[in-house]
Amino acid sequence: MHAKDGTTTCHRYCTACLVSNSKPVTLAMTYVRSDEEEADAVKRVLDRVEAYPFEIELLLADRGFYNERILRRSQEIAATVVPVQKKGERMKEKLDTHRSYMTTYRMYKDRERELEFPLAVAVSYHAGDREKSEEVVRGYVACDLADRTPKQVEQLYRKRSAIETSYRVFRQARVVTTTQDPVVRFAFVLVGFLLENLWLVLRWAVVARPRRGGRDLPQEFTFKTFSDWIIHALEEELERRWEIKMNGVGVPETYASAAG
């Protein structure tokens, strides 16, 4: 992300989430320094992901990762789907269509950094104002997915919605602080994601009730409830007490009768 209007300092992080059976778990995370390219931070995270002792079936990233270096590194790990950015005349020409189709695209054409990849162009229709159908054209990098149809590629990318949900849940445990120390802020964010991971595991493995067709996830065991339990337990363990300095005056005599 980039700093918004009125923001003097922007702290950025790059995370990798595993989505298995629609359950997102944060696998790796790094701080993005202001003096480095975003692709360097992504490479650190992907290197960590690749080191895990299980196979990655598919890599999904948002359009912010539509980057030649990132795409090259992603292809080395697994099939990759990334929405393209609608920039450049050649890309706009590819997306100027009324039908879905598969093609190829060369990023940085005829340059040293040239990268060719399968491009899935998916056309769909959504209800707009006054229930009128609106045509929507989206393009996706589809590395190692040239045998899929554009609709299948788009359907695969929709699995990423679980990650967006994970970020919304994480914000419930985000620490509000004024410190500009990147190490402290990174620690706060890291603890938040770890708590969310723990909640996901407990919710599914310990609390959810087994039943035919899958486990019944309890609606009452929310992440906020879990976080409140953690806060309550810590306050008891640390014997936290709330104090406020008294004024030493008390109730004025004129209000003594009203105060009883």
Protein backbone atom coordinates (compact mmCIF):
# COMPACT_ATOMS: atom_id res chain seq x y z
CA MET A 1 0.00 0.00 0.00
CA HIS A 2 1.01 3.64 -0.31
CA ALA A 3 0.66 6.44 2.21
CA LYS A 4 -2.75 8.10 2.05
CA ASP A 5 -3.40 11.85 2.01
CA GLY A 6 -2.39 13.38 5.33
CA THR A 7 -0.22 10.39 6.29
CA THR A 8 3.35 11.28 7.22
CA THR A 9 4.64 7.74 7.79
CA CYS A 10 3.52 4.51 6.17
CA HIS A 11 4.58 1.09 7.52
CA ARG A 12 4.29 -1.71 4.97
CA TYR A 13 4.31 -5.48 5.35
CA CYS A 14 4.21 -8.39 2.94
CA THR A 15 2.49 -11.61 4.00
CA ALA A 16 1.87 -15.05 2.56
CA CYS A 17 -1.27 -16.95 3.52
CA LEU A 18 -2.10 -20.60 3.02
CA VAL A 19 -5.70 -21.30 1.99
CA SER A 20 -6.69 -24.91 2.65
CA ASN A 21 -10.35 -25.95 2.71
CA SER A 22 -11.25 -22.22 2.70
CA LYS A 23 -9.26 -21.67 5.91
CA PRO A 24 -6.56 -18.96 5.59
CA VAL A 25 -3.46 -19.28 7.78
CA THR A 26 -0.58 -16.79 7.69
CA LEU A 27 2.64 -18.61 6.77
CA ALA A 28 5.24 -15.87 6.46
CA MET A 29 5.62 -12.15 6.91
CA THR A 30 8.25 -9.47 6.35
CA TYR A 31 8.64 -5.74 6.83
CA VAL A 32 8.98 -3.75 3.61
CA ARG A 33 11.68 -1.13 3.95
CA SER A 34 11.28 2.22 2.25
CA ASP A 35 14.68 1.90 0.52
CA GLU A 36 14.00 -1.44 -1.17
CA GLU A 37 11.97 -2.62 -4.13
CA GLU A 38 8.73 -4.41 -3.37
CA ALA A 39 9.94 -7.40 -5.40
CA ASP A 40 12.78 -7.91 -2.90
CA ALA A 41 10.33 -8.18 -0.01
CA VAL A 42 8.12 -10.57 -1.96
CA LYS A 43 11.13 -12.73 -2.78
CA ARG A 44 11.96 -13.06 0.94
CA VAL A 45 8.43 -14.24 1.65
CA LEU A 46 8.33 -16.64 -1.30
CA ASP A 47 11.70 -18.10 -0.30
CA ARG A 48 10.25 -18.86 3.13
CA VAL A 49 7.09 -20.36 1.64
CA GLU A 50 9.11 -22.59 -0.68
CA ALA A 51 11.06 -23.92 2.30
CA TYR A 52 7.94 -25.38 3.96
CA PRO A 53 7.71 -29.21 3.82
CA PHE A 54 4.58 -29.35 1.69
CA GLU A 55 3.74 -28.70 -1.94
CA ILE A 56 2.17 -25.42 -3.03
CA GLU A 57 -0.55 -26.04 -5.61
CA LEU A 58 -1.32 -22.47 -6.65
CA LEU A 59 -0.08 -18.94 -5.95
CA LEU A 60 -2.67 -16.14 -5.92
CA ALA A 61 -1.80 -12.45 -5.57
CA ASP A 62 -3.59 -9.16 -6.19
CA ARG A 63 -2.81 -6.80 -9.05
CA GLY A 64 -0.18 -5.00 -6.97
CA PHE A 65 2.08 -8.00 -7.58
CA TYR A 66 1.84 -7.71 -11.37
CA ASN A 67 5.61 -7.35 -11.61
CA GLU A 68 8.09 -9.08 -13.90
CA ARG A 69 10.50 -10.12 -11.12
CA ILE A 70 7.70 -11.38 -8.89
CA LEU A 71 6.11 -13.37 -11.70
CA ARG A 72 9.42 -15.03 -12.57
CA ARG A 73 9.97 -16.09 -8.96
CA SER A 74 6.37 -17.28 -8.55
CA GLN A 75 6.58 -19.50 -11.64
CA GLU A 76 9.50 -21.34 -10.07
CA ILE A 77 7.29 -22.41 -7.15
CA ALA A 78 3.83 -23.14 -8.51
CA ALA A 79 1.13 -22.19 -10.99
CA THR A 80 0.35 -18.49 -10.58
CA VAL A 81 -2.70 -16.28 -11.07
CA VAL A 82 -2.39 -12.49 -10.84
CA PRO A 83 -4.79 -9.88 -12.25
CA VAL A 84 -3.11 -7.73 -14.88
CA GLN A 85 -2.90 -3.96 -14.70
CA LYS A 86 -4.70 -2.24 -17.55
CA LYS A 87 -1.71 -0.23 -18.68
CA GLY A 88 -0.16 0.10 -22.12
CA GLU A 89 -1.74 0.02 -25.55
CA ARG A 90 -0.99 -3.67 -26.14
CA MET A 91 -2.69 -4.76 -22.91
CA LYS A 92 -5.67 -2.47 -23.52
CA GLU A 93 -6.02 -4.01 -26.97
CA LYS A 94 -6.03 -7.51 -25.47
CA LEU A 95 -8.81 -6.52 -23.06
CA ASP A 96 -10.89 -4.76 -25.70
CA THR A 97 -13.18 -7.70 -26.35
CA HIS A 98 -16.68 -9.06 -25.75
CA ARG A 99 -15.73 -12.72 -25.42
CA SER A 100 -13.52 -14.76 -23.12
CA TYR A 101 -10.36 -16.26 -24.60
CA MET A 102 -6.84 -17.50 -23.80
CA THR A 103 -3.78 -15.91 -25.39
CA THR A 104 -0.21 -15.02 -24.55
CA TYR A 105 1.33 -11.71 -23.61
CA ARG A 106 4.89 -10.46 -23.58
CA MET A 107 5.75 -8.04 -20.81
CA TYR A 108 8.60 -5.64 -21.73
CA LYS A 109 8.41 -6.82 -25.33
CA ASP A 110 11.73 -6.78 -27.24
CA ARG A 111 13.65 -5.76 -24.12
CA GLU A 112 16.18 -7.61 -22.02
CA ARG A 113 13.55 -8.14 -19.28
CA GLU A 114 10.97 -9.61 -21.68
CA LEU A 115 8.64 -12.12 -20.02
CA GLU A 116 6.03 -14.14 -21.90
CA PHE A 117 3.10 -15.70 -20.04
CA PRO A 118 -0.40 -17.13 -20.73
CA LEU A 119 -3.08 -14.45 -20.46
CA ALA A 120 -6.65 -15.36 -19.54
CA VAL A 121 -9.21 -12.77 -20.62
CA ALA A 122 -12.53 -13.38 -18.87
CA VAL A 123 -15.74 -11.57 -19.78
CA SER A 124 -18.60 -11.63 -17.28
CA TYR A 125 -21.84 -9.76 -16.73
CA HIS A 126 -23.00 -8.14 -13.50
CA ALA A 127 -26.21 -6.38 -12.64
CA GLY A 128 -25.68 -2.63 -12.66
CA ASP A 129 -27.96 0.34 -12.05
CA ARG A 130 -31.66 -0.31 -12.72
CA GLU A 131 -30.92 -4.03 -13.00
CA LYS A 132 -29.12 -3.57 -16.32
CA SER A 133 -26.37 -6.05 -17.17
CA GLU A 134 -22.89 -4.58 -17.19
CA GLU A 135 -20.05 -6.20 -19.09
CA VAL A 136 -16.85 -6.67 -17.08
CA VAL A 137 -13.57 -7.67 -18.73
CA ARG A 138 -10.71 -8.92 -16.55
CA GLY A 139 -7.28 -10.21 -17.51
CA TYR A 140 -5.23 -12.68 -15.48
CA VAL A 141 -1.66 -13.90 -15.64
CA ALA A 142 -2.15 -17.68 -15.84
CA CYS A 143 1.30 -19.22 -15.50
CA ASP A 144 1.21 -23.03 -15.99
CA LEU A 145 -2.56 -22.82 -16.49
CA ALA A 146 -2.74 -22.56 -20.27
CA ASP A 147 -4.86 -25.74 -20.34
CA ARG A 148 -7.64 -24.01 -18.34
CA THR A 149 -10.43 -21.87 -19.72
CA PRO A 150 -10.57 -18.15 -18.77
CA LYS A 151 -13.61 -18.84 -16.57
CA GLN A 152 -11.75 -21.60 -14.76
CA VAL A 153 -8.78 -19.28 -14.15
CA GLU A 154 -11.10 -16.60 -12.79
CA GLN A 155 -12.79 -19.17 -10.55
CA LEU A 156 -9.40 -20.21 -9.18
CA TYR A 157 -8.55 -16.60 -8.39
CA ARG A 158 -11.76 -16.18 -6.40
CA LYS A 159 -10.32 -18.55 -3.79
CA ARG A 160 -8.19 -15.60 -2.74
CA SER A 161 -11.27 -13.98 -1.15
CA ALA A 162 -10.52 -16.04 1.98
CA ILE A 163 -7.29 -14.05 2.38
CA GLU A 164 -9.16 -10.74 2.23
CA THR A 165 -11.49 -12.06 4.93
CA SER A 166 -8.44 -12.98 7.02
CA TYR A 167 -7.15 -9.40 6.83
CA ARG A 168 -10.49 -8.01 7.96
CA VAL A 169 -10.51 -10.37 10.93
CA PHE A 170 -6.91 -9.46 11.82
CA ARG A 171 -7.80 -5.78 12.10
CA GLN A 172 -9.91 -6.63 15.16
CA ALA A 173 -6.69 -7.39 17.05
CA ARG A 174 -4.58 -4.60 15.56
CA VAL A 175 -2.77 -2.61 18.20
CA VAL A 176 -3.32 1.15 18.18
CA THR A 177 0.02 2.83 18.87
CA THR A 178 1.80 6.11 18.19
CA THR A 179 5.31 4.65 18.18
CA GLN A 180 7.24 4.95 14.93
CA ASP A 181 9.70 2.20 15.86
CA PRO A 182 9.38 -0.29 12.97
CA VAL A 183 10.54 -3.20 15.14
CA VAL A 184 7.86 -2.59 17.77
CA ARG A 185 5.13 -2.08 15.17
CA PHE A 186 6.21 -5.23 13.30
CA ALA A 187 6.04 -7.19 16.57
CA PHE A 188 2.50 -5.94 17.21
CA VAL A 189 1.35 -6.95 13.72
CA LEU A 190 3.07 -10.33 14.02
CA VAL A 191 1.32 -11.08 17.32
CA GLY A 192 -2.02 -10.17 15.75
CA PHE A 193 -1.57 -12.67 12.91
CA LEU A 194 -0.34 -15.36 15.32
CA LEU A 195 -3.44 -14.90 17.46
CA GLU A 196 -5.64 -15.22 14.39
CA ASN A 197 -3.84 -18.42 13.38
CA LEU A 198 -4.35 -19.84 16.87
CA TRP A 199 -8.04 -18.92 16.80
CA LEU A 200 -8.55 -20.61 13.42
CA VAL A 201 -6.95 -23.84 14.65
CA LEU A 202 -8.87 -23.89 17.94
CA ARG A 203 -12.14 -23.00 16.23
CA TRP A 204 -11.92 -25.84 13.73
CA ALA A 205 -10.03 -28.56 15.65
CA VAL A 206 -11.28 -28.06 19.21
CA VAL A 207 -14.57 -26.15 19.21
CA ALA A 208 -16.28 -27.12 15.93
CA ARG A 209 -18.72 -30.01 16.31
CA PRO A 210 -18.23 -33.01 13.98
CA ARG A 211 -21.20 -33.81 11.77
CA ARG A 212 -21.96 -35.50 8.49
CA GLY A 213 -20.73 -33.40 5.57
CA GLY A 214 -18.21 -31.38 7.59
CA ARG A 215 -17.76 -29.75 10.96
CA ASP A 216 -20.28 -27.30 12.36
CA LEU A 217 -18.40 -24.08 13.11
CA PRO A 218 -19.86 -22.26 16.14
CA GLN A 219 -20.92 -18.72 15.34
CA GLU A 220 -20.51 -17.56 18.94
CA PHE A 221 -16.75 -18.31 19.05
CA THR A 222 -15.69 -15.21 17.14
CA PHE A 223 -12.19 -13.79 16.92
CA LYS A 224 -13.29 -10.83 19.04
CA THR A 225 -14.54 -13.20 21.75
CA PHE A 226 -11.25 -15.09 21.65
CA SER A 227 -9.27 -11.83 21.86
CA ASP A 228 -11.35 -10.65 24.82
CA TRP A 229 -10.57 -13.92 26.63
CA ILE A 230 -6.85 -13.36 26.03
CA ILE A 231 -7.07 -9.81 27.40
CA HIS A 232 -9.01 -10.96 30.47
CA ALA A 233 -6.53 -13.77 31.18
CA LEU A 234 -3.54 -11.45 30.83
CA GLU A 235 -5.06 -8.86 33.16
CA GLU A 236 -5.62 -11.53 35.81
CA GLU A 237 -2.16 -13.04 35.34
CA LEU A 238 -0.41 -9.67 35.46
CA GLU A 239 -2.72 -8.45 38.23
CA ARG A 240 -3.47 -5.31 36.26
CA ARG A 241 -5.21 -2.58 38.20
CA TRP A 242 -6.75 0.63 36.92
CA GLU A 243 -5.95 3.79 38.88
CA ILE A 244 -6.77 7.47 38.55
CA LYS A 245 -5.57 10.34 40.73
CA MET A 246 -8.26 11.91 42.92
CA ASN A 247 -8.70 15.68 43.18
CA GLY A 248 -8.60 15.69 47.02
CA VAL A 249 -11.59 18.07 47.22
CA GLY A 250 -14.63 15.86 47.04
CA VAL A 251 -18.23 17.01 46.64
CA PRO A 252 -18.78 20.75 47.34
CA GLU A 253 -20.93 21.52 50.40
CA THR A 254 -23.62 23.06 48.19
CA TYR A 255 -24.16 19.66 46.55
CA ALA A 256 -23.80 17.60 49.75
CA SER A 257 -27.55 17.15 50.23
CA ALA A 258 -28.06 16.09 46.64
CA ALA A 259 -25.18 13.62 46.87
CA GLY A 260 -26.73 12.08 49.99
